[in-house]
Amino acid sequence: MSRGEIPTSALVANAQAGDADAREELFKRYLPRVGRMVAARLGVPRNALPASAEDLAQEALLRALGALDRFDMQSPGAFAAWMETIVLNCVRQQFHRVRAAPERCLWQRYGDLDLRESFFAGGGSTPSASVASREANDRVEAALLELPQLYRTALVSRYVGQMTHAE
């Protein structure tokens, strides 16, 4: 069984036991999701995120991995829900820092957009399929960003965090 096929619960257990490879795999697996969570929390389309938003995504992941010893995997979606809470806290803390120092605002758009693949959903194997997929994702994302925060949170939890309806 390859690392990509290992369930998140097993990766978390291995990482909690000190497996550095499991921690790395969790980081790689969750970085794209956390990037999408940050974009949804900021109310910004993924393709308009400044490069500094990736720093926030990485900070959230590093916080989670650093606190794994205090995490209890109670259900298959517990890690995704926990990550979403950490992302929310990181975004809130960032807004507090920005408010405290407006001259250092990280969320101003200066054209330093980060368009790496980690922020985009996987497309087809052809360029036209990839463009069509991005256009569809952009339309869905635009509709999602128009929703009130409560509904957006529920949909982000379900589809970005990949939580079940019960969770």
N, C-alpha and C. Protein backbone atom coordinates (compact mmCIF):
# COMPACT_ATOMS: atom_id res chain seq x y z
N MET A 1 0.86 -1.19 0.00
CA MET A 1 0.00 0.00 0.00
C MET A 1 0.90 1.24 0.00
N SER A 2 0.66 2.16 -0.93
CA SER A 2 1.47 3.37 -1.01
C SER A 2 0.97 4.41 0.00
N ARG A 3 1.78 5.43 0.26
CA ARG A 3 1.42 6.48 1.22
C ARG A 3 0.11 7.15 0.86
N GLY A 4 -0.15 7.35 -0.45
CA GLY A 4 -1.36 8.04 -0.89
C GLY A 4 -2.62 7.27 -0.56
N GLU A 5 -2.50 5.95 -0.35
CA GLU A 5 -3.65 5.12 -0.06
C GLU A 5 -3.88 4.96 1.44
N ILE A 6 -2.96 5.39 2.25
CA ILE A 6 -3.09 5.26 3.70
C ILE A 6 -4.15 6.25 4.18
N PRO A 7 -5.12 5.78 4.97
CA PRO A 7 -6.14 6.70 5.49
C PRO A 7 -5.51 7.76 6.39
N THR A 8 -6.16 8.89 6.45
CA THR A 8 -5.68 9.98 7.28
C THR A 8 -5.54 9.54 8.74
N SER A 9 -6.48 8.74 9.23
CA SER A 9 -6.42 8.31 10.62
C SER A 9 -5.13 7.53 10.90
N ALA A 10 -4.71 6.70 9.94
CA ALA A 10 -3.47 5.94 10.12
C ALA A 10 -2.26 6.86 10.05
N LEU A 11 -2.29 7.83 9.14
CA LEU A 11 -1.19 8.79 9.06
C LEU A 11 -1.06 9.58 10.36
N VAL A 12 -2.20 10.00 10.91
CA VAL A 12 -2.18 10.76 12.16
C VAL A 12 -1.60 9.89 13.28
N ALA A 13 -2.04 8.65 13.36
CA ALA A 13 -1.53 7.75 14.40
C ALA A 13 -0.02 7.55 14.25
N ASN A 14 0.43 7.35 13.02
CA ASN A 14 1.87 7.17 12.77
C ASN A 14 2.65 8.44 13.12
N ALA A 15 2.10 9.59 12.75
CA ALA A 15 2.77 10.85 13.05
C ALA A 15 2.83 11.08 14.56
N GLN A 16 1.76 10.72 15.27
CA GLN A 16 1.75 10.85 16.72
C GLN A 16 2.79 9.93 17.37
N ALA A 17 3.08 8.82 16.68
CA ALA A 17 4.08 7.88 17.19
C ALA A 17 5.50 8.31 16.82
N GLY A 18 5.64 9.43 16.10
CA GLY A 18 6.97 9.95 15.78
C GLY A 18 7.45 9.69 14.37
N ASP A 19 6.59 9.19 13.49
CA ASP A 19 6.97 8.91 12.11
C ASP A 19 7.06 10.21 11.32
N ALA A 20 8.28 10.63 10.98
CA ALA A 20 8.48 11.88 10.25
C ALA A 20 7.89 11.80 8.84
N ASP A 21 7.94 10.63 8.22
CA ASP A 21 7.37 10.47 6.88
C ASP A 21 5.85 10.67 6.91
N ALA A 22 5.20 10.21 7.97
CA ALA A 22 3.75 10.39 8.10
C ALA A 22 3.42 11.87 8.26
N ARG A 23 4.23 12.59 9.02
CA ARG A 23 4.02 14.04 9.18
C ARG A 23 4.16 14.74 7.83
N GLU A 24 5.19 14.37 7.09
CA GLU A 24 5.41 14.96 5.76
C GLU A 24 4.24 14.67 4.83
N GLU A 25 3.74 13.44 4.87
CA GLU A 25 2.61 13.07 4.02
C GLU A 25 1.35 13.84 4.41
N LEU A 26 1.11 14.02 5.72
CA LEU A 26 -0.02 14.83 6.16
C LEU A 26 0.10 16.25 5.65
N PHE A 27 1.31 16.80 5.73
CA PHE A 27 1.54 18.16 5.25
C PHE A 27 1.23 18.25 3.77
N LYS A 28 1.77 17.33 2.98
CA LYS A 28 1.55 17.35 1.53
C LYS A 28 0.07 17.14 1.19
N ARG A 29 -0.57 16.23 1.89
CA ARG A 29 -1.97 15.91 1.61
C ARG A 29 -2.89 17.08 1.95
N TYR A 30 -2.59 17.78 3.04
CA TYR A 30 -3.51 18.82 3.51
C TYR A 30 -3.18 20.23 3.03
N LEU A 31 -2.00 20.48 2.50
CA LEU A 31 -1.66 21.84 2.07
C LEU A 31 -2.64 22.38 1.03
N PRO A 32 -3.00 21.63 -0.02
CA PRO A 32 -3.99 22.17 -0.96
C PRO A 32 -5.34 22.46 -0.32
N ARG A 33 -5.81 21.56 0.55
CA ARG A 33 -7.09 21.77 1.23
C ARG A 33 -7.05 23.00 2.12
N VAL A 34 -5.96 23.12 2.87
CA VAL A 34 -5.84 24.25 3.79
C VAL A 34 -5.76 25.55 3.01
N GLY A 35 -5.09 25.53 1.85
CA GLY A 35 -5.06 26.72 0.99
C GLY A 35 -6.45 27.12 0.55
N ARG A 36 -7.27 26.13 0.19
CA ARG A 36 -8.66 26.43 -0.20
C ARG A 36 -9.47 26.91 1.01
N MET A 37 -9.20 26.35 2.19
CA MET A 37 -9.89 26.81 3.40
C MET A 37 -9.55 28.26 3.71
N VAL A 38 -8.28 28.61 3.57
CA VAL A 38 -7.85 30.00 3.80
C VAL A 38 -8.57 30.93 2.83
N ALA A 39 -8.61 30.54 1.56
CA ALA A 39 -9.29 31.37 0.55
C ALA A 39 -10.76 31.55 0.90
N ALA A 40 -11.41 30.47 1.31
CA ALA A 40 -12.83 30.57 1.66
C ALA A 40 -13.03 31.44 2.89
N ARG A 41 -12.17 31.32 3.87
CA ARG A 41 -12.29 32.14 5.09
C ARG A 41 -12.05 33.61 4.79
N LEU A 42 -11.14 33.88 3.87
CA LEU A 42 -10.85 35.27 3.51
C LEU A 42 -11.89 35.84 2.56
N GLY A 43 -12.70 34.96 1.97
CA GLY A 43 -13.69 35.43 1.01
C GLY A 43 -13.06 35.88 -0.29
N VAL A 44 -11.95 35.23 -0.65
CA VAL A 44 -11.19 35.59 -1.85
C VAL A 44 -11.09 34.35 -2.74
N PRO A 45 -11.24 34.51 -4.04
CA PRO A 45 -11.02 33.36 -4.92
C PRO A 45 -9.58 32.87 -4.79
N ARG A 46 -9.41 31.55 -4.91
CA ARG A 46 -8.07 30.97 -4.80
C ARG A 46 -7.07 31.63 -5.73
N ASN A 47 -7.51 31.95 -6.95
CA ASN A 47 -6.56 32.51 -7.92
C ASN A 47 -6.23 33.97 -7.65
N ALA A 48 -6.85 34.57 -6.61
CA ALA A 48 -6.54 35.95 -6.26
C ALA A 48 -5.82 36.05 -4.91
N LEU A 49 -5.45 34.90 -4.36
CA LEU A 49 -4.74 34.92 -3.08
C LEU A 49 -3.33 35.46 -3.24
N PRO A 50 -2.91 36.37 -2.38
CA PRO A 50 -1.52 36.82 -2.41
C PRO A 50 -0.61 35.70 -1.89
N ALA A 51 0.65 35.78 -2.22
CA ALA A 51 1.60 34.75 -1.80
C ALA A 51 1.63 34.61 -0.29
N SER A 52 1.38 35.68 0.42
CA SER A 52 1.41 35.63 1.88
C SER A 52 0.31 34.73 2.44
N ALA A 53 -0.74 34.46 1.66
CA ALA A 53 -1.80 33.57 2.14
C ALA A 53 -1.28 32.14 2.25
N GLU A 54 -0.34 31.76 1.41
CA GLU A 54 0.24 30.43 1.54
C GLU A 54 1.01 30.32 2.85
N ASP A 55 1.63 31.41 3.27
CA ASP A 55 2.31 31.40 4.57
C ASP A 55 1.31 31.08 5.68
N LEU A 56 0.13 31.64 5.57
CA LEU A 56 -0.90 31.39 6.57
C LEU A 56 -1.34 29.93 6.53
N ALA A 57 -1.47 29.37 5.35
CA ALA A 57 -1.84 27.95 5.22
C ALA A 57 -0.76 27.07 5.83
N GLN A 58 0.49 27.38 5.54
CA GLN A 58 1.58 26.61 6.10
C GLN A 58 1.65 26.76 7.61
N GLU A 59 1.41 27.97 8.09
CA GLU A 59 1.40 28.20 9.54
C GLU A 59 0.34 27.33 10.21
N ALA A 60 -0.84 27.27 9.62
CA ALA A 60 -1.92 26.45 10.19
C ALA A 60 -1.52 24.98 10.22
N LEU A 61 -0.93 24.50 9.14
CA LEU A 61 -0.50 23.10 9.11
C LEU A 61 0.60 22.82 10.12
N LEU A 62 1.54 23.72 10.23
CA LEU A 62 2.63 23.52 11.19
C LEU A 62 2.10 23.55 12.62
N ARG A 63 1.13 24.41 12.90
CA ARG A 63 0.51 24.42 14.23
C ARG A 63 -0.15 23.08 14.52
N ALA A 64 -0.88 22.58 13.53
CA ALA A 64 -1.57 21.30 13.72
C ALA A 64 -0.58 20.17 13.95
N LEU A 65 0.45 20.11 13.13
CA LEU A 65 1.44 19.05 13.27
C LEU A 65 2.20 19.17 14.58
N GLY A 66 2.41 20.39 15.04
CA GLY A 66 3.09 20.59 16.31
C GLY A 66 2.24 20.21 17.51
N ALA A 67 0.93 20.18 17.32
CA ALA A 67 0.01 19.86 18.42
C ALA A 67 -0.63 18.49 18.27
N LEU A 68 -0.09 17.66 17.40
CA LEU A 68 -0.68 16.34 17.16
C LEU A 68 -0.78 15.49 18.42
N ASP A 69 0.14 15.68 19.34
CA ASP A 69 0.12 14.88 20.57
C ASP A 69 -1.13 15.17 21.41
N ARG A 70 -1.77 16.32 21.19
CA ARG A 70 -3.00 16.68 21.92
C ARG A 70 -4.26 16.38 21.12
N PHE A 71 -4.10 15.84 19.91
CA PHE A 71 -5.25 15.57 19.04
C PHE A 71 -5.74 14.14 19.25
N ASP A 72 -7.07 13.96 19.30
CA ASP A 72 -7.67 12.64 19.45
C ASP A 72 -8.53 12.37 18.22
N MET A 73 -8.15 11.37 17.44
CA MET A 73 -8.86 11.02 16.21
C MET A 73 -10.12 10.23 16.58
N GLN A 74 -11.24 10.95 16.78
CA GLN A 74 -12.47 10.31 17.21
C GLN A 74 -13.32 9.79 16.06
N SER A 75 -13.13 10.35 14.88
CA SER A 75 -13.89 9.91 13.71
C SER A 75 -13.04 10.16 12.47
N PRO A 76 -13.41 9.57 11.33
CA PRO A 76 -12.60 9.74 10.12
C PRO A 76 -12.44 11.19 9.68
N GLY A 77 -13.39 12.05 9.94
CA GLY A 77 -13.29 13.45 9.52
C GLY A 77 -12.79 14.39 10.60
N ALA A 78 -12.39 13.83 11.74
CA ALA A 78 -11.99 14.68 12.86
C ALA A 78 -10.77 15.53 12.53
N PHE A 79 -9.81 14.98 11.80
CA PHE A 79 -8.61 15.74 11.48
C PHE A 79 -8.94 16.93 10.58
N ALA A 80 -9.80 16.71 9.58
CA ALA A 80 -10.20 17.81 8.69
C ALA A 80 -10.94 18.89 9.47
N ALA A 81 -11.81 18.49 10.39
CA ALA A 81 -12.55 19.47 11.20
C ALA A 81 -11.59 20.25 12.10
N TRP A 82 -10.63 19.54 12.66
CA TRP A 82 -9.63 20.18 13.51
C TRP A 82 -8.80 21.17 12.71
N MET A 83 -8.42 20.77 11.49
CA MET A 83 -7.66 21.67 10.62
C MET A 83 -8.47 22.92 10.30
N GLU A 84 -9.76 22.74 10.05
CA GLU A 84 -10.59 23.90 9.73
C GLU A 84 -10.65 24.87 10.91
N THR A 85 -10.71 24.35 12.12
CA THR A 85 -10.71 25.20 13.31
C THR A 85 -9.38 25.95 13.43
N ILE A 86 -8.29 25.26 13.17
CA ILE A 86 -6.98 25.90 13.25
C ILE A 86 -6.86 26.98 12.18
N VAL A 87 -7.35 26.70 10.96
CA VAL A 87 -7.33 27.70 9.89
C VAL A 87 -8.13 28.93 10.31
N LEU A 88 -9.30 28.71 10.86
CA LEU A 88 -10.13 29.84 11.31
C LEU A 88 -9.38 30.67 12.35
N ASN A 89 -8.75 30.01 13.31
CA ASN A 89 -8.00 30.73 14.33
C ASN A 89 -6.82 31.50 13.73
N CYS A 90 -6.12 30.89 12.79
CA CYS A 90 -4.99 31.58 12.13
C CYS A 90 -5.45 32.81 11.36
N VAL A 91 -6.57 32.68 10.65
CA VAL A 91 -7.10 33.82 9.89
C VAL A 91 -7.53 34.92 10.85
N ARG A 92 -8.19 34.56 11.93
CA ARG A 92 -8.60 35.58 12.92
C ARG A 92 -7.39 36.28 13.51
N GLN A 93 -6.36 35.50 13.86
CA GLN A 93 -5.15 36.10 14.43
C GLN A 93 -4.47 37.02 13.42
N GLN A 94 -4.50 36.62 12.15
CA GLN A 94 -3.90 37.46 11.12
C GLN A 94 -4.65 38.78 11.00
N PHE A 95 -5.97 38.74 11.05
CA PHE A 95 -6.75 39.98 10.99
C PHE A 95 -6.44 40.87 12.18
N HIS A 96 -6.26 40.27 13.36
CA HIS A 96 -5.91 41.07 14.54
C HIS A 96 -4.53 41.70 14.37
N ARG A 97 -3.58 40.96 13.82
CA ARG A 97 -2.25 41.51 13.57
C ARG A 97 -2.31 42.63 12.55
N VAL A 98 -3.11 42.45 11.51
CA VAL A 98 -3.23 43.47 10.47
C VAL A 98 -3.87 44.73 11.04
N ARG A 99 -4.89 44.56 11.85
CA ARG A 99 -5.54 45.71 12.46
C ARG A 99 -4.59 46.46 13.37
N ALA A 100 -3.71 45.71 14.05
CA ALA A 100 -2.76 46.33 14.96
C ALA A 100 -1.64 47.05 14.20
N ALA A 101 -1.33 46.62 12.99
CA ALA A 101 -0.26 47.22 12.20
C ALA A 101 -0.71 47.35 10.75
N PRO A 102 -1.57 48.33 10.44
CA PRO A 102 -2.12 48.43 9.10
C PRO A 102 -1.07 48.67 8.02
N GLU A 103 0.06 49.23 8.38
CA GLU A 103 1.08 49.47 7.35
C GLU A 103 1.72 48.18 6.87
N ARG A 104 1.53 47.09 7.62
CA ARG A 104 2.10 45.81 7.22
C ARG A 104 1.02 44.85 6.73
N CYS A 105 -0.06 45.36 6.22
CA CYS A 105 -1.19 44.54 5.77
C CYS A 105 -0.76 43.50 4.74
N LEU A 106 -0.98 42.23 5.05
CA LEU A 106 -0.58 41.15 4.15
C LEU A 106 -1.61 40.87 3.06
N TRP A 107 -2.81 41.36 3.24
CA TRP A 107 -3.88 40.96 2.33
C TRP A 107 -4.13 41.97 1.21
N GLN A 108 -3.29 42.98 1.11
CA GLN A 108 -3.44 43.89 -0.02
C GLN A 108 -2.95 43.20 -1.28
N ARG A 109 -3.60 43.46 -2.36
CA ARG A 109 -3.22 42.81 -3.62
C ARG A 109 -2.17 43.65 -4.33
N TYR A 110 -0.96 43.13 -4.33
CA TYR A 110 0.14 43.80 -5.00
C TYR A 110 0.61 43.04 -6.23
N GLY A 111 -0.17 42.09 -6.67
CA GLY A 111 0.24 41.32 -7.83
C GLY A 111 1.20 40.20 -7.49
N ASP A 112 1.38 39.91 -6.23
CA ASP A 112 2.27 38.81 -5.85
C ASP A 112 1.46 37.52 -5.72
N LEU A 113 0.71 37.23 -6.75
CA LEU A 113 -0.17 36.08 -6.71
C LEU A 113 0.63 34.79 -6.78
N ASP A 114 0.18 33.83 -6.01
CA ASP A 114 0.82 32.53 -6.00
C ASP A 114 -0.07 31.57 -6.77
N LEU A 115 0.36 31.16 -7.94
CA LEU A 115 -0.48 30.32 -8.79
C LEU A 115 0.06 28.91 -8.90
N ARG A 116 0.70 28.42 -7.85
CA ARG A 116 1.20 27.05 -7.88
C ARG A 116 0.05 26.07 -7.88
N GLU A 117 0.31 24.88 -8.35
CA GLU A 117 -0.73 23.87 -8.49
C GLU A 117 -1.37 23.50 -7.16
N SER A 118 -0.68 23.70 -6.05
CA SER A 118 -1.22 23.29 -4.76
C SER A 118 -2.51 24.03 -4.41
N PHE A 119 -2.77 25.18 -5.03
CA PHE A 119 -3.99 25.92 -4.74
C PHE A 119 -5.12 25.59 -5.70
N PHE A 120 -4.90 24.72 -6.68
CA PHE A 120 -5.91 24.42 -7.66
C PHE A 120 -6.32 22.96 -7.60
N ALA A 121 -7.59 22.74 -7.83
CA ALA A 121 -8.05 21.37 -7.92
C ALA A 121 -7.44 20.73 -9.16
N GLY A 122 -7.24 19.42 -9.12
CA GLY A 122 -6.65 18.72 -10.25
C GLY A 122 -7.56 18.79 -11.46
N GLY A 123 -7.02 19.02 -12.63
CA GLY A 123 -7.79 19.06 -13.87
C GLY A 123 -7.58 17.80 -14.66
N GLY A 124 -8.04 17.80 -15.88
CA GLY A 124 -7.84 16.66 -16.76
C GLY A 124 -6.42 16.61 -17.26
N SER A 125 -6.18 15.66 -18.13
CA SER A 125 -4.82 15.47 -18.62
C SER A 125 -4.48 16.41 -19.78
N THR A 126 -5.50 17.03 -20.38
CA THR A 126 -5.25 17.93 -21.51
C THR A 126 -5.38 19.38 -21.05
N PRO A 127 -4.72 20.29 -21.74
CA PRO A 127 -4.84 21.71 -21.37
C PRO A 127 -6.28 22.21 -21.43
N SER A 128 -7.04 21.81 -22.44
CA SER A 128 -8.42 22.29 -22.53
C SER A 128 -9.27 21.75 -21.39
N ALA A 129 -9.03 20.51 -20.98
CA ALA A 129 -9.78 19.96 -19.85
C ALA A 129 -9.40 20.69 -18.57
N SER A 130 -8.13 21.04 -18.44
CA SER A 130 -7.67 21.76 -17.27
C SER A 130 -8.31 23.15 -17.20
N VAL A 131 -8.36 23.84 -18.33
CA VAL A 131 -8.97 25.17 -18.38
C VAL A 131 -10.47 25.07 -18.08
N ALA A 132 -11.14 24.09 -18.66
CA ALA A 132 -12.57 23.91 -18.42
C ALA A 132 -12.83 23.63 -16.94
N SER A 133 -11.98 22.81 -16.35
CA SER A 133 -12.12 22.49 -14.93
C SER A 133 -11.93 23.74 -14.07
N ARG A 134 -10.92 24.53 -14.39
CA ARG A 134 -10.67 25.77 -13.63
C ARG A 134 -11.83 26.74 -13.77
N GLU A 135 -12.37 26.85 -14.99
CA GLU A 135 -13.49 27.76 -15.20
C GLU A 135 -14.69 27.31 -14.37
N ALA A 136 -14.95 26.01 -14.36
CA ALA A 136 -16.07 25.49 -13.55
C ALA A 136 -15.80 25.73 -12.07
N ASN A 137 -14.57 25.47 -11.63
CA ASN A 137 -14.22 25.70 -10.23
C ASN A 137 -14.37 27.18 -9.87
N ASP A 138 -13.98 28.06 -10.77
CA ASP A 138 -14.10 29.50 -10.52
C ASP A 138 -15.56 29.91 -10.37
N ARG A 139 -16.43 29.33 -11.21
CA ARG A 139 -17.86 29.66 -11.11
C ARG A 139 -18.44 29.17 -9.78
N VAL A 140 -18.08 27.96 -9.40
CA VAL A 140 -18.57 27.42 -8.12
C VAL A 140 -18.03 28.25 -6.96
N GLU A 141 -16.75 28.59 -7.05
CA GLU A 141 -16.14 29.38 -6.00
C GLU A 141 -16.79 30.76 -5.88
N ALA A 142 -17.09 31.39 -7.01
CA ALA A 142 -17.74 32.70 -6.99
C ALA A 142 -19.12 32.60 -6.32
N ALA A 143 -19.85 31.54 -6.64
CA ALA A 143 -21.16 31.35 -6.01
C ALA A 143 -21.00 31.10 -4.51
N LEU A 144 -19.99 30.32 -4.13
CA LEU A 144 -19.73 30.04 -2.73
C LEU A 144 -19.41 31.31 -1.96
N LEU A 145 -18.62 32.19 -2.56
CA LEU A 145 -18.22 33.43 -1.88
C LEU A 145 -19.37 34.42 -1.72
N GLU A 146 -20.44 34.23 -2.49
CA GLU A 146 -21.60 35.11 -2.36
C GLU A 146 -22.53 34.67 -1.23
N LEU A 147 -22.35 33.46 -0.73
CA LEU A 147 -23.21 32.95 0.34
C LEU A 147 -22.89 33.62 1.66
N PRO A 148 -23.86 33.68 2.56
CA PRO A 148 -23.57 34.17 3.92
C PRO A 148 -22.54 33.25 4.58
N GLN A 149 -21.80 33.77 5.52
CA GLN A 149 -20.69 33.05 6.15
C GLN A 149 -21.13 31.70 6.73
N LEU A 150 -22.29 31.63 7.36
CA LEU A 150 -22.75 30.39 7.97
C LEU A 150 -22.88 29.28 6.93
N TYR A 151 -23.51 29.58 5.79
CA TYR A 151 -23.67 28.58 4.74
C TYR A 151 -22.33 28.24 4.09
N ARG A 152 -21.50 29.26 3.92
CA ARG A 152 -20.17 29.04 3.33
C ARG A 152 -19.36 28.09 4.22
N THR A 153 -19.45 28.30 5.53
CA THR A 153 -18.72 27.45 6.47
C THR A 153 -19.17 26.00 6.34
N ALA A 154 -20.46 25.78 6.26
CA ALA A 154 -20.97 24.41 6.13
C ALA A 154 -20.48 23.76 4.84
N LEU A 155 -20.53 24.48 3.75
CA LEU A 155 -20.10 23.90 2.47
C LEU A 155 -18.59 23.69 2.43
N VAL A 156 -17.83 24.60 3.00
CA VAL A 156 -16.37 24.43 3.05
C VAL A 156 -16.03 23.20 3.89
N SER A 157 -16.72 23.04 5.01
CA SER A 157 -16.47 21.86 5.85
C SER A 157 -16.76 20.57 5.08
N ARG A 158 -17.85 20.55 4.35
CA ARG A 158 -18.25 19.33 3.65
C ARG A 158 -17.36 19.04 2.45
N TYR A 159 -17.13 20.02 1.58
CA TYR A 159 -16.47 19.74 0.32
C TYR A 159 -14.98 20.03 0.32
N VAL A 160 -14.54 21.05 1.01
CA VAL A 160 -13.10 21.32 1.06
C VAL A 160 -12.46 20.48 2.15
N GLY A 161 -13.10 20.45 3.33
CA GLY A 161 -12.60 19.66 4.43
C GLY A 161 -12.91 18.18 4.29
N GLN A 162 -13.74 17.84 3.32
CA GLN A 162 -14.14 16.47 3.01
C GLN A 162 -14.73 15.76 4.22
N MET A 163 -15.55 16.49 4.97
CA MET A 163 -16.23 15.90 6.11
C MET A 163 -17.54 15.29 5.64
N THR A 164 -18.02 14.30 6.39
CA THR A 164 -19.31 13.69 6.06
C THR A 164 -20.42 14.62 6.54
N HIS A 165 -21.65 14.36 6.10
CA HIS A 165 -22.77 15.18 6.54
C HIS A 165 -22.96 15.08 8.04
N ALA A 166 -22.78 13.91 8.60
CA ALA A 166 -22.96 13.73 10.04
C ALA A 166 -21.93 14.53 10.84
N GLU A 167 -20.70 14.58 10.34
CA GLU A 167 -19.65 15.31 11.05
C GLU A 167 -19.91 16.79 11.00
